[in-house]
């Protein structure tokens, strides 16, 4: 339909209409867009035990599975038990050592288990996003559910994602930890759970334009 309308317009009117259509589609996009990842791009998966792969073998962690799914190098930089403040302190060295094109940030779970203030978690996430952006590194955020029966991620993840225009995965970890057959214990997935997390991250990378569909 748009093509039939455009062919009857000339000059400036045509450019205005085409530009308006493009902006409409961009504005309706639900996932912030990233630059495509080169084939030799390095991805750093950064976080705590959910990233490290506690509850499964090394080759079954979500970064290891993701690497196979997306045919890119994915560095597993997860440290079990780490708080977001400690992650903030070590992130710069990791980024400077690995020189990634993309950072997948999954932090805050241990803070919530220790009942740290959500605003402090958000502050630390913001600091880590800024560290990456200062180096020209794109960021994807993985939301972690609060340790309660609802397993609902705090609003802080969505708020940080909106503030910086980040793609954010908010459903996968919650769904996995809410499914007994996908868990190795109360707070960690098993191999099948990590595989599903990797698939969810890969789909987010595709929908954000970082990978081709």
N, C-alpha and C. Protein backbone atom coordinates (compact mmCIF):
# COMPACT_ATOMS: atom_id res chain seq x y z
N UNK A 1 0.82 -1.20 0.00
CA UNK A 1 0.00 0.00 0.00
C UNK A 1 0.86 1.26 0.00
N UNK A 2 1.92 1.24 0.85
CA UNK A 2 2.78 2.40 0.92
C UNK A 2 3.45 2.69 -0.43
N UNK A 3 3.80 1.63 -1.15
CA UNK A 3 4.46 1.83 -2.45
C UNK A 3 3.55 2.56 -3.42
N UNK A 4 2.25 2.23 -3.41
CA UNK A 4 1.31 2.88 -4.31
C UNK A 4 1.15 4.36 -3.97
N UNK A 5 1.17 4.67 -2.69
CA UNK A 5 1.06 6.08 -2.28
C UNK A 5 2.31 6.85 -2.68
N UNK A 6 3.48 6.24 -2.40
CA UNK A 6 4.75 6.94 -2.63
C UNK A 6 4.96 7.25 -4.10
N UNK A 7 4.53 6.36 -5.00
CA UNK A 7 4.80 6.59 -6.42
C UNK A 7 4.06 7.81 -6.96
N UNK A 8 3.02 8.28 -6.27
CA UNK A 8 2.29 9.45 -6.73
C UNK A 8 2.81 10.73 -6.08
N UNK A 9 3.76 10.60 -5.18
CA UNK A 9 4.33 11.78 -4.54
C UNK A 9 5.65 12.13 -5.21
N UNK A 10 6.04 13.38 -5.08
CA UNK A 10 7.29 13.82 -5.70
C UNK A 10 8.14 14.55 -4.68
N UNK A 11 9.42 14.54 -4.94
CA UNK A 11 10.37 15.38 -4.22
C UNK A 11 10.26 15.31 -2.72
N UNK A 12 10.09 16.50 -2.13
CA UNK A 12 10.13 16.66 -0.69
C UNK A 12 9.04 15.84 0.01
N UNK A 13 7.84 15.81 -0.55
CA UNK A 13 6.74 15.07 0.08
C UNK A 13 7.07 13.60 0.18
N UNK A 14 7.71 13.06 -0.88
CA UNK A 14 8.08 11.63 -0.86
C UNK A 14 9.10 11.35 0.24
N UNK A 15 10.10 12.22 0.36
CA UNK A 15 11.14 12.01 1.37
C UNK A 15 10.55 12.10 2.78
N UNK A 16 9.62 13.03 2.98
CA UNK A 16 9.01 13.18 4.30
C UNK A 16 8.22 11.93 4.66
N UNK A 17 7.44 11.40 3.69
CA UNK A 17 6.63 10.22 3.97
C UNK A 17 7.49 9.01 4.26
N UNK A 18 8.52 8.79 3.44
CA UNK A 18 9.41 7.65 3.65
C UNK A 18 10.09 7.75 5.00
N UNK A 19 10.56 8.93 5.33
CA UNK A 19 11.21 9.11 6.63
C UNK A 19 10.28 8.84 7.79
N UNK A 20 9.02 9.26 7.63
CA UNK A 20 8.02 9.03 8.69
C UNK A 20 7.75 7.54 8.87
N UNK A 21 7.69 6.81 7.75
CA UNK A 21 7.45 5.36 7.83
C UNK A 21 8.61 4.67 8.54
N UNK A 22 9.83 5.05 8.19
CA UNK A 22 11.01 4.46 8.83
C UNK A 22 10.99 4.72 10.33
N UNK A 23 10.69 5.96 10.72
CA UNK A 23 10.65 6.30 12.14
C UNK A 23 9.55 5.55 12.86
N UNK A 24 8.44 5.30 12.17
CA UNK A 24 7.36 4.55 12.77
C UNK A 24 7.80 3.14 13.11
N UNK A 25 8.48 2.49 12.18
CA UNK A 25 8.94 1.12 12.43
C UNK A 25 9.99 1.09 13.52
N UNK A 26 10.91 2.07 13.51
CA UNK A 26 11.94 2.11 14.54
C UNK A 26 11.32 2.34 15.90
N UNK A 27 10.34 3.26 15.94
CA UNK A 27 9.70 3.57 17.21
C UNK A 27 8.91 2.41 17.77
N UNK A 28 8.41 1.53 16.89
CA UNK A 28 7.62 0.39 17.34
C UNK A 28 8.49 -0.79 17.75
N UNK A 29 9.80 -0.73 17.46
CA UNK A 29 10.69 -1.82 17.80
C UNK A 29 10.79 -1.95 19.32
N UNK A 30 10.59 -3.16 19.85
CA UNK A 30 10.60 -3.37 21.28
C UNK A 30 12.00 -3.60 21.82
N UNK A 31 12.91 -4.03 20.98
CA UNK A 31 14.26 -4.36 21.42
C UNK A 31 15.25 -3.32 20.88
N UNK A 32 15.98 -2.64 21.76
CA UNK A 32 17.02 -1.72 21.28
C UNK A 32 17.98 -2.44 20.35
N UNK A 33 18.41 -1.75 19.32
CA UNK A 33 19.23 -2.40 18.29
C UNK A 33 20.73 -2.20 18.54
N UNK A 34 21.48 -3.26 18.24
CA UNK A 34 22.93 -3.25 18.37
C UNK A 34 23.57 -3.39 16.99
N UNK A 35 24.83 -3.03 16.90
CA UNK A 35 25.57 -3.23 15.65
C UNK A 35 25.82 -4.72 15.46
N UNK A 36 25.82 -5.21 14.22
CA UNK A 36 26.09 -6.63 13.98
C UNK A 36 27.47 -7.03 14.51
N UNK A 37 27.55 -8.21 15.10
CA UNK A 37 28.83 -8.70 15.62
C UNK A 37 29.65 -9.33 14.50
N UNK A 38 30.89 -8.91 14.32
CA UNK A 38 31.75 -9.57 13.33
C UNK A 38 31.95 -11.04 13.68
N UNK A 39 32.33 -11.83 12.69
CA UNK A 39 32.51 -13.27 12.91
C UNK A 39 33.58 -13.57 13.94
N UNK A 40 34.58 -12.70 14.03
CA UNK A 40 35.66 -12.92 15.00
C UNK A 40 35.47 -12.11 16.28
N UNK A 41 34.28 -11.60 16.49
CA UNK A 41 34.01 -10.81 17.69
C UNK A 41 34.16 -11.66 18.95
N UNK A 42 34.63 -11.02 20.01
CA UNK A 42 34.71 -11.64 21.33
C UNK A 42 33.56 -11.11 22.18
N UNK A 43 32.89 -12.01 22.84
CA UNK A 43 31.81 -11.66 23.77
C UNK A 43 32.27 -12.04 25.17
N UNK A 44 32.10 -11.14 26.12
CA UNK A 44 32.39 -11.45 27.51
C UNK A 44 31.07 -11.62 28.26
N UNK A 45 30.89 -12.82 28.84
CA UNK A 45 29.75 -13.08 29.72
C UNK A 45 30.24 -12.83 31.14
N UNK A 46 29.67 -11.82 31.79
CA UNK A 46 30.21 -11.34 33.07
C UNK A 46 29.14 -11.47 34.15
N UNK A 47 29.54 -12.04 35.29
CA UNK A 47 28.57 -12.17 36.37
C UNK A 47 29.07 -13.05 37.48
N UNK A 48 28.12 -13.73 38.12
CA UNK A 48 28.45 -14.57 39.27
C UNK A 48 28.28 -16.04 38.92
N UNK A 49 27.70 -16.83 39.83
CA UNK A 49 27.61 -18.28 39.61
C UNK A 49 26.69 -18.65 38.45
N UNK A 50 25.68 -17.83 38.16
CA UNK A 50 24.82 -18.11 37.01
C UNK A 50 25.60 -18.06 35.71
N UNK A 51 26.60 -17.20 35.67
CA UNK A 51 27.47 -17.11 34.50
C UNK A 51 28.54 -18.19 34.54
N UNK A 52 29.12 -18.41 35.71
CA UNK A 52 30.18 -19.41 35.84
C UNK A 52 29.69 -20.81 35.47
N UNK A 53 28.39 -21.07 35.76
CA UNK A 53 27.83 -22.38 35.43
C UNK A 53 27.73 -23.33 36.60
N UNK A 54 27.66 -22.79 37.81
CA UNK A 54 27.50 -23.63 38.99
C UNK A 54 26.28 -24.54 38.84
N UNK A 55 26.49 -25.82 39.09
CA UNK A 55 25.41 -26.79 38.95
C UNK A 55 25.50 -27.61 37.69
N UNK A 56 26.51 -27.33 36.85
CA UNK A 56 26.69 -28.07 35.60
C UNK A 56 28.18 -28.11 35.28
N UNK A 57 28.54 -28.86 34.26
CA UNK A 57 29.93 -28.94 33.85
C UNK A 57 30.37 -27.69 33.12
N UNK A 58 31.68 -27.51 33.01
CA UNK A 58 32.23 -26.30 32.38
C UNK A 58 31.70 -26.11 30.97
N UNK A 59 31.61 -27.20 30.22
CA UNK A 59 31.15 -27.12 28.83
C UNK A 59 29.64 -26.95 28.74
N UNK A 60 28.94 -27.01 29.90
CA UNK A 60 27.48 -26.89 29.93
C UNK A 60 27.01 -25.54 30.45
N UNK A 61 27.95 -24.67 30.82
CA UNK A 61 27.58 -23.33 31.27
C UNK A 61 26.91 -22.58 30.13
N UNK A 62 26.13 -21.55 30.45
CA UNK A 62 25.46 -20.85 29.36
C UNK A 62 26.44 -20.15 28.41
N UNK A 63 27.57 -19.57 28.91
CA UNK A 63 28.51 -18.99 27.94
C UNK A 63 29.09 -20.03 26.97
N UNK A 64 29.37 -21.24 27.46
CA UNK A 64 29.93 -22.27 26.59
C UNK A 64 28.91 -22.70 25.54
N UNK A 65 27.67 -22.88 25.96
CA UNK A 65 26.62 -23.26 25.00
C UNK A 65 26.37 -22.12 24.02
N UNK A 66 26.34 -20.88 24.53
CA UNK A 66 26.12 -19.72 23.66
C UNK A 66 27.19 -19.62 22.59
N UNK A 67 28.43 -19.88 22.96
CA UNK A 67 29.52 -19.82 21.99
C UNK A 67 29.27 -20.75 20.83
N UNK A 68 28.76 -21.94 21.12
CA UNK A 68 28.48 -22.90 20.05
C UNK A 68 27.27 -22.45 19.22
N UNK A 69 26.29 -21.84 19.87
CA UNK A 69 25.09 -21.41 19.16
C UNK A 69 25.36 -20.26 18.19
N UNK A 70 26.22 -19.33 18.61
CA UNK A 70 26.41 -18.10 17.81
C UNK A 70 27.71 -18.11 17.02
N UNK A 71 28.50 -19.16 17.17
CA UNK A 71 29.77 -19.28 16.44
C UNK A 71 30.67 -18.07 16.67
N UNK A 72 30.76 -17.66 17.93
CA UNK A 72 31.63 -16.57 18.34
C UNK A 72 32.37 -17.02 19.61
N UNK A 73 33.51 -16.38 19.88
CA UNK A 73 34.20 -16.63 21.14
C UNK A 73 33.45 -15.97 22.27
N UNK A 74 33.06 -16.75 23.27
CA UNK A 74 32.37 -16.22 24.45
C UNK A 74 33.24 -16.54 25.67
N UNK A 75 33.76 -15.50 26.29
CA UNK A 75 34.61 -15.66 27.46
C UNK A 75 33.74 -15.74 28.70
N UNK A 76 33.90 -16.81 29.46
CA UNK A 76 33.15 -16.97 30.70
C UNK A 76 33.89 -16.25 31.82
N UNK A 77 33.36 -15.10 32.24
CA UNK A 77 33.96 -14.33 33.32
C UNK A 77 32.99 -14.25 34.49
N UNK A 78 32.56 -15.43 34.93
CA UNK A 78 31.66 -15.51 36.08
C UNK A 78 32.40 -16.00 37.30
N UNK A 79 32.14 -15.37 38.45
CA UNK A 79 32.76 -15.78 39.71
C UNK A 79 31.66 -16.09 40.72
N UNK A 80 31.52 -17.34 41.13
CA UNK A 80 30.49 -17.70 42.10
C UNK A 80 30.61 -16.88 43.38
N UNK A 81 29.47 -16.43 43.89
CA UNK A 81 29.43 -15.70 45.14
C UNK A 81 29.74 -14.22 45.04
N UNK A 82 30.06 -13.74 43.86
CA UNK A 82 30.46 -12.35 43.71
C UNK A 82 29.28 -11.40 43.88
N UNK A 83 29.50 -10.31 44.60
CA UNK A 83 28.53 -9.23 44.70
C UNK A 83 28.75 -8.24 43.57
N UNK A 84 27.73 -7.46 43.27
CA UNK A 84 27.85 -6.52 42.14
C UNK A 84 28.93 -5.47 42.37
N UNK A 85 29.17 -5.09 43.62
CA UNK A 85 30.24 -4.13 43.90
C UNK A 85 31.60 -4.71 43.54
N UNK A 86 31.78 -6.00 43.83
CA UNK A 86 33.05 -6.66 43.48
C UNK A 86 33.17 -6.81 41.97
N UNK A 87 32.05 -7.07 41.31
CA UNK A 87 32.07 -7.13 39.85
C UNK A 87 32.46 -5.80 39.25
N UNK A 88 31.95 -4.72 39.82
CA UNK A 88 32.30 -3.39 39.34
C UNK A 88 33.80 -3.16 39.46
N UNK A 89 34.39 -3.63 40.55
CA UNK A 89 35.81 -3.42 40.80
C UNK A 89 36.70 -4.19 39.82
N UNK A 90 36.25 -5.34 39.34
CA UNK A 90 37.12 -6.16 38.48
C UNK A 90 36.80 -6.02 36.99
N UNK A 91 35.68 -5.39 36.65
CA UNK A 91 35.25 -5.39 35.25
C UNK A 91 36.24 -4.71 34.31
N UNK A 92 36.77 -3.57 34.70
CA UNK A 92 37.65 -2.82 33.80
C UNK A 92 38.83 -3.67 33.35
N UNK A 93 39.44 -4.41 34.28
CA UNK A 93 40.58 -5.26 33.91
C UNK A 93 40.17 -6.36 32.94
N UNK A 94 38.99 -6.92 33.13
CA UNK A 94 38.51 -7.97 32.22
C UNK A 94 38.31 -7.40 30.82
N UNK A 95 37.67 -6.24 30.73
CA UNK A 95 37.43 -5.63 29.43
C UNK A 95 38.73 -5.26 28.73
N UNK A 96 39.68 -4.74 29.50
CA UNK A 96 40.96 -4.34 28.91
C UNK A 96 41.77 -5.55 28.47
N UNK A 97 41.56 -6.68 29.11
CA UNK A 97 42.30 -7.90 28.75
C UNK A 97 41.67 -8.59 27.55
N UNK A 98 40.35 -8.65 27.50
CA UNK A 98 39.66 -9.44 26.47
C UNK A 98 39.28 -8.64 25.23
N UNK A 99 39.16 -7.32 25.34
CA UNK A 99 38.77 -6.45 24.22
C UNK A 99 37.51 -6.97 23.50
N UNK A 100 36.42 -7.15 24.23
CA UNK A 100 35.21 -7.69 23.59
C UNK A 100 34.47 -6.64 22.77
N UNK A 101 33.63 -7.13 21.87
CA UNK A 101 32.69 -6.26 21.16
C UNK A 101 31.38 -6.15 21.93
N UNK A 102 31.11 -7.14 22.79
CA UNK A 102 29.84 -7.20 23.51
C UNK A 102 30.06 -7.73 24.92
N UNK A 103 29.37 -7.10 25.88
CA UNK A 103 29.37 -7.54 27.27
C UNK A 103 27.96 -8.02 27.61
N UNK A 104 27.84 -9.25 28.10
CA UNK A 104 26.57 -9.75 28.61
C UNK A 104 26.66 -9.69 30.12
N UNK A 105 25.87 -8.83 30.73
CA UNK A 105 25.98 -8.52 32.15
C UNK A 105 24.85 -9.18 32.92
N UNK A 106 25.22 -10.05 33.85
CA UNK A 106 24.23 -10.77 34.67
C UNK A 106 24.70 -10.71 36.12
N UNK A 107 24.21 -9.74 36.86
CA UNK A 107 24.69 -9.53 38.22
C UNK A 107 23.54 -9.09 39.13
N UNK A 108 23.74 -9.27 40.41
CA UNK A 108 22.77 -8.80 41.40
C UNK A 108 22.13 -9.89 42.23
N UNK A 109 22.24 -11.14 41.79
CA UNK A 109 21.59 -12.23 42.52
C UNK A 109 22.12 -12.40 43.93
N UNK A 110 23.44 -12.37 44.10
CA UNK A 110 24.01 -12.53 45.44
C UNK A 110 23.67 -11.34 46.33
N UNK A 111 23.61 -10.16 45.73
CA UNK A 111 23.21 -8.98 46.49
C UNK A 111 21.81 -9.17 47.07
N UNK A 112 20.90 -9.67 46.24
CA UNK A 112 19.53 -9.86 46.70
C UNK A 112 19.45 -10.94 47.77
N UNK A 113 20.24 -12.00 47.63
CA UNK A 113 20.26 -13.04 48.66
C UNK A 113 20.76 -12.48 49.99
N UNK A 114 21.68 -11.52 49.93
CA UNK A 114 22.22 -10.89 51.13
C UNK A 114 21.40 -9.68 51.57
N UNK A 115 20.27 -9.44 50.86
CA UNK A 115 19.36 -8.34 51.17
C UNK A 115 20.03 -6.98 51.06
N UNK A 116 20.91 -6.84 50.07
CA UNK A 116 21.48 -5.52 49.80
C UNK A 116 20.40 -4.64 49.17
N UNK A 117 20.57 -3.35 49.34
CA UNK A 117 19.59 -2.40 48.82
C UNK A 117 19.57 -2.43 47.29
N UNK A 118 18.36 -2.44 46.72
CA UNK A 118 18.23 -2.50 45.27
C UNK A 118 18.86 -1.30 44.58
N UNK A 119 18.82 -0.15 45.24
CA UNK A 119 19.41 1.04 44.63
C UNK A 119 20.93 0.90 44.50
N UNK A 120 21.55 0.20 45.45
CA UNK A 120 22.99 -0.04 45.35
C UNK A 120 23.29 -1.00 44.20
N UNK A 121 22.43 -2.00 44.02
CA UNK A 121 22.61 -2.91 42.89
C UNK A 121 22.50 -2.14 41.58
N UNK A 122 21.47 -1.30 41.48
CA UNK A 122 21.27 -0.50 40.27
C UNK A 122 22.46 0.41 40.03
N UNK A 123 22.98 1.01 41.09
CA UNK A 123 24.15 1.89 40.96
C UNK A 123 25.34 1.12 40.40
N UNK A 124 25.55 -0.09 40.89
CA UNK A 124 26.69 -0.88 40.42
C UNK A 124 26.49 -1.32 38.97
N UNK A 125 25.26 -1.69 38.61
CA UNK A 125 25.00 -2.04 37.21
C UNK A 125 25.26 -0.86 36.30
N UNK A 126 24.81 0.31 36.71
CA UNK A 126 25.06 1.52 35.91
C UNK A 126 26.55 1.76 35.74
N UNK A 127 27.30 1.56 36.82
CA UNK A 127 28.75 1.77 36.75
C UNK A 127 29.40 0.81 35.76
N UNK A 128 28.93 -0.45 35.76
CA UNK A 128 29.50 -1.44 34.84
C UNK A 128 29.12 -1.14 33.39
N UNK A 129 27.89 -0.71 33.18
CA UNK A 129 27.48 -0.34 31.82
C UNK A 129 28.33 0.82 31.32
N UNK A 130 28.55 1.81 32.17
CA UNK A 130 29.36 2.97 31.76
C UNK A 130 30.79 2.55 31.44
N UNK A 131 31.36 1.65 32.25
CA UNK A 131 32.72 1.17 31.98
C UNK A 131 32.82 0.55 30.59
N UNK A 132 31.80 -0.21 30.22
CA UNK A 132 31.80 -0.83 28.90
C UNK A 132 31.60 0.21 27.80
N UNK A 133 30.64 1.08 27.98
CA UNK A 133 30.34 2.08 26.94
C UNK A 133 31.51 3.03 26.73
N UNK A 134 32.24 3.35 27.78
CA UNK A 134 33.42 4.21 27.63
C UNK A 134 34.47 3.58 26.73
N UNK A 135 34.44 2.26 26.61
CA UNK A 135 35.38 1.54 25.75
C UNK A 135 34.75 1.16 24.41
N UNK A 136 33.56 1.66 24.15
CA UNK A 136 32.88 1.37 22.90
C UNK A 136 32.33 -0.04 22.82
N UNK A 137 32.04 -0.65 23.96
CA UNK A 137 31.57 -2.03 24.03
C UNK A 137 30.06 -2.03 24.25
N UNK A 138 29.34 -2.75 23.40
CA UNK A 138 27.88 -2.88 23.57
C UNK A 138 27.57 -3.75 24.78
N UNK A 139 26.39 -3.54 25.35
CA UNK A 139 26.00 -4.27 26.56
C UNK A 139 24.60 -4.86 26.40
N UNK A 140 24.47 -6.11 26.84
CA UNK A 140 23.17 -6.78 26.96
C UNK A 140 23.00 -7.13 28.42
N UNK A 141 21.81 -6.92 28.95
CA UNK A 141 21.56 -7.13 30.38
C UNK A 141 20.67 -8.35 30.59
N UNK A 142 21.06 -9.20 31.54
CA UNK A 142 20.23 -10.34 31.94
C UNK A 142 19.68 -10.07 33.33
N UNK A 143 18.36 -10.06 33.46
CA UNK A 143 17.72 -9.79 34.74
C UNK A 143 17.69 -11.05 35.59
N UNK A 144 17.93 -10.87 36.88
CA UNK A 144 17.92 -11.97 37.84
C UNK A 144 16.70 -11.82 38.74
N UNK A 145 15.94 -12.87 38.95
CA UNK A 145 14.75 -12.76 39.80
C UNK A 145 15.10 -12.63 41.28
N UNK A 146 14.24 -11.95 42.01
CA UNK A 146 14.39 -11.87 43.46
C UNK A 146 14.16 -13.25 44.07
N UNK A 147 14.85 -13.58 45.17
CA UNK A 147 14.71 -14.91 45.78
C UNK A 147 13.45 -15.01 46.64
N UNK A 148 12.32 -14.96 45.99
CA UNK A 148 11.05 -15.11 46.69
C UNK A 148 10.15 -16.01 45.84
N UNK A 149 9.00 -16.44 46.35
CA UNK A 149 8.16 -17.38 45.60
C UNK A 149 7.74 -16.88 44.23
N UNK A 150 7.60 -15.56 44.06
CA UNK A 150 7.16 -15.02 42.76
C UNK A 150 8.27 -15.04 41.72
N UNK A 151 9.53 -15.08 42.17
CA UNK A 151 10.68 -15.08 41.26
C UNK A 151 10.55 -13.97 40.21
N UNK A 152 10.21 -12.79 40.67
CA UNK A 152 10.04 -11.66 39.76
C UNK A 152 11.29 -10.78 39.80
N UNK A 153 11.92 -10.48 38.66
CA UNK A 153 13.08 -9.59 38.68
C UNK A 153 12.69 -8.21 39.18
N UNK A 154 13.52 -7.58 40.01
CA UNK A 154 13.23 -6.22 40.46
C UNK A 154 13.17 -5.26 39.27
N UNK A 155 12.43 -4.18 39.44
CA UNK A 155 12.27 -3.19 38.37
C UNK A 155 13.59 -2.55 37.98
N UNK A 156 14.59 -2.65 38.83
CA UNK A 156 15.85 -1.97 38.55
C UNK A 156 16.48 -2.41 37.23
N UNK A 157 16.27 -3.67 36.83
CA UNK A 157 16.88 -4.14 35.57
C UNK A 157 16.25 -3.43 34.38
N UNK A 158 14.95 -3.34 34.38
CA UNK A 158 14.27 -2.64 33.29
C UNK A 158 14.61 -1.16 33.29
N UNK A 159 14.74 -0.58 34.47
CA UNK A 159 15.07 0.84 34.57
C UNK A 159 16.46 1.12 34.02
N UNK A 160 17.43 0.29 34.38
CA UNK A 160 18.79 0.48 33.86
C UNK A 160 18.83 0.25 32.36
N UNK A 161 18.10 -0.76 31.88
CA UNK A 161 18.07 -1.04 30.44
C UNK A 161 17.48 0.14 29.68
N UNK A 162 16.40 0.72 30.19
CA UNK A 162 15.79 1.87 29.51
C UNK A 162 16.70 3.08 29.54
N UNK A 163 17.35 3.29 30.66
CA UNK A 163 18.24 4.45 30.81
C UNK A 163 19.37 4.44 29.77
N UNK A 164 19.91 3.26 29.50
CA UNK A 164 21.06 3.16 28.59
C UNK A 164 20.68 2.60 27.22
N UNK A 165 19.41 2.29 27.01
CA UNK A 165 19.00 1.73 25.73
C UNK A 165 19.56 0.34 25.48
N UNK A 166 19.49 -0.53 26.48
CA UNK A 166 20.09 -1.86 26.39
C UNK A 166 19.03 -2.92 26.09
N UNK A 167 19.35 -3.90 25.27
CA UNK A 167 18.50 -5.09 25.20
C UNK A 167 18.57 -5.80 26.55
N UNK A 168 17.43 -6.28 27.04
CA UNK A 168 17.41 -6.95 28.33
C UNK A 168 16.55 -8.20 28.24
N UNK A 169 17.06 -9.29 28.80
CA UNK A 169 16.32 -10.55 28.89
C UNK A 169 15.79 -10.67 30.32
N UNK A 170 14.46 -10.63 30.48
CA UNK A 170 13.88 -10.61 31.81
C UNK A 170 13.11 -11.88 32.17
N UNK A 171 12.90 -12.77 31.22
CA UNK A 171 12.03 -13.91 31.47
C UNK A 171 12.77 -15.23 31.65
N UNK A 172 13.92 -15.38 31.01
CA UNK A 172 14.54 -16.70 30.93
C UNK A 172 14.97 -17.25 32.29
N UNK A 173 15.72 -16.45 33.06
CA UNK A 173 16.20 -16.96 34.35
C UNK A 173 15.03 -17.25 35.28
N UNK A 174 14.04 -16.36 35.26
CA UNK A 174 12.85 -16.57 36.10
C UNK A 174 12.14 -17.88 35.73
N UNK A 175 11.97 -18.11 34.44
CA UNK A 175 11.27 -19.32 34.00
C UNK A 175 12.07 -20.57 34.35
N UNK A 176 13.37 -20.51 34.16
CA UNK A 176 14.23 -21.67 34.44
C UNK A 176 14.22 -22.01 35.92
N UNK A 177 14.39 -20.99 36.77
CA UNK A 177 14.43 -21.24 38.21
C UNK A 177 13.06 -21.56 38.78
N UNK A 178 12.03 -21.35 37.99
CA UNK A 178 10.68 -21.75 38.40
C UNK A 178 10.29 -23.14 37.91
N UNK A 179 11.23 -23.83 37.27
CA UNK A 179 10.97 -25.17 36.72
C UNK A 179 11.91 -26.17 37.36
N UNK A 180 11.38 -27.07 38.17
CA UNK A 180 12.22 -27.99 38.95
C UNK A 180 13.15 -28.82 38.07
N UNK A 181 12.68 -29.24 36.91
CA UNK A 181 13.48 -30.11 36.05
C UNK A 181 14.66 -29.38 35.41
N UNK A 182 14.70 -28.05 35.53
CA UNK A 182 15.77 -27.26 34.93
C UNK A 182 16.76 -26.73 35.96
N UNK A 183 16.62 -27.19 37.23
CA UNK A 183 17.47 -26.68 38.31
C UNK A 183 18.35 -27.77 38.91
N UNK A 184 19.54 -27.34 39.34
CA UNK A 184 20.41 -28.25 40.09
C UNK A 184 20.23 -28.05 41.59
N UNK A 185 19.79 -26.86 41.99
CA UNK A 185 19.46 -26.57 43.39
C UNK A 185 18.50 -25.38 43.39
N UNK A 186 18.30 -24.76 44.54
CA UNK A 186 17.31 -23.70 44.69
C UNK A 186 17.59 -22.50 43.78
N UNK A 187 18.86 -22.17 43.57
CA UNK A 187 19.19 -20.93 42.86
C UNK A 187 20.02 -21.13 41.60
N UNK A 188 20.30 -22.37 41.20
CA UNK A 188 21.14 -22.60 40.04
C UNK A 188 20.47 -23.54 39.04
N UNK A 189 20.59 -23.24 37.75
CA UNK A 189 20.11 -24.18 36.73
C UNK A 189 20.99 -25.42 36.67
N UNK A 190 20.49 -26.45 36.00
CA UNK A 190 21.31 -27.59 35.63
C UNK A 190 21.71 -27.42 34.16
N UNK A 191 22.30 -28.44 33.58
CA UNK A 191 22.77 -28.31 32.20
C UNK A 191 21.64 -27.95 31.25
N UNK A 192 20.47 -28.58 31.43
CA UNK A 192 19.33 -28.27 30.56
C UNK A 192 18.87 -26.83 30.74
N UNK A 193 18.91 -26.35 31.99
CA UNK A 193 18.53 -24.97 32.25
C UNK A 193 19.49 -23.98 31.63
N UNK A 194 20.78 -24.23 31.76
CA UNK A 194 21.77 -23.34 31.14
C UNK A 194 21.63 -23.35 29.61
N UNK A 195 21.30 -24.49 29.05
CA UNK A 195 21.11 -24.56 27.60
C UNK A 195 19.95 -23.67 27.18
N UNK A 196 18.87 -23.68 27.96
CA UNK A 196 17.74 -22.81 27.63
C UNK A 196 18.09 -21.34 27.81
N UNK A 197 18.91 -21.03 28.82
CA UNK A 197 19.35 -19.64 29.00
C UNK A 197 20.19 -19.19 27.82
N UNK A 198 21.08 -20.05 27.35
CA UNK A 198 21.91 -19.70 26.19
C UNK A 198 21.05 -19.46 24.96
N UNK A 199 20.02 -20.28 24.78
CA UNK A 199 19.13 -20.11 23.64
C UNK A 199 18.37 -18.79 23.73
N UNK A 200 17.95 -18.41 24.94
CA UNK A 200 17.25 -17.14 25.13
C UNK A 200 18.17 -15.96 24.83
N UNK A 201 19.42 -16.05 25.25
CA UNK A 201 20.37 -14.97 24.97
C UNK A 201 20.64 -14.88 23.48
N UNK A 202 20.81 -16.02 22.83
CA UNK A 202 21.05 -16.02 21.38
C UNK A 202 19.88 -15.38 20.65
N UNK A 203 18.66 -15.67 21.08
CA UNK A 203 17.48 -15.07 20.45
C UNK A 203 17.45 -13.57 20.68
N UNK A 204 17.84 -13.12 21.86
CA UNK A 204 17.91 -11.69 22.13
C UNK A 204 18.94 -11.01 21.23
N UNK A 205 20.07 -11.68 21.02
CA UNK A 205 21.09 -11.11 20.13
C UNK A 205 20.58 -11.03 18.70
N UNK A 206 19.79 -12.00 18.29
CA UNK A 206 19.21 -11.96 16.95
C UNK A 206 18.18 -10.84 16.83
N UNK A 207 17.29 -10.73 17.82
CA UNK A 207 16.25 -9.72 17.74
C UNK A 207 16.80 -8.31 17.89
N UNK A 208 17.96 -8.17 18.49
CA UNK A 208 18.59 -6.85 18.64
C UNK A 208 19.46 -6.48 17.44
N UNK A 209 19.62 -7.40 16.50
CA UNK A 209 20.42 -7.13 15.31
C UNK A 209 21.88 -7.46 15.46
N UNK A 210 22.30 -7.94 16.63
CA UNK A 210 23.70 -8.30 16.82
C UNK A 210 24.08 -9.53 16.00
N UNK A 211 23.10 -10.40 15.76
CA UNK A 211 23.30 -11.60 14.93
C UNK A 211 22.23 -11.66 13.87
N UNK A 212 22.57 -12.27 12.74
CA UNK A 212 21.58 -12.48 11.69
C UNK A 212 20.62 -13.59 12.10
N UNK A 213 19.39 -13.46 11.66
CA UNK A 213 18.39 -14.51 11.92
C UNK A 213 18.61 -15.68 10.96
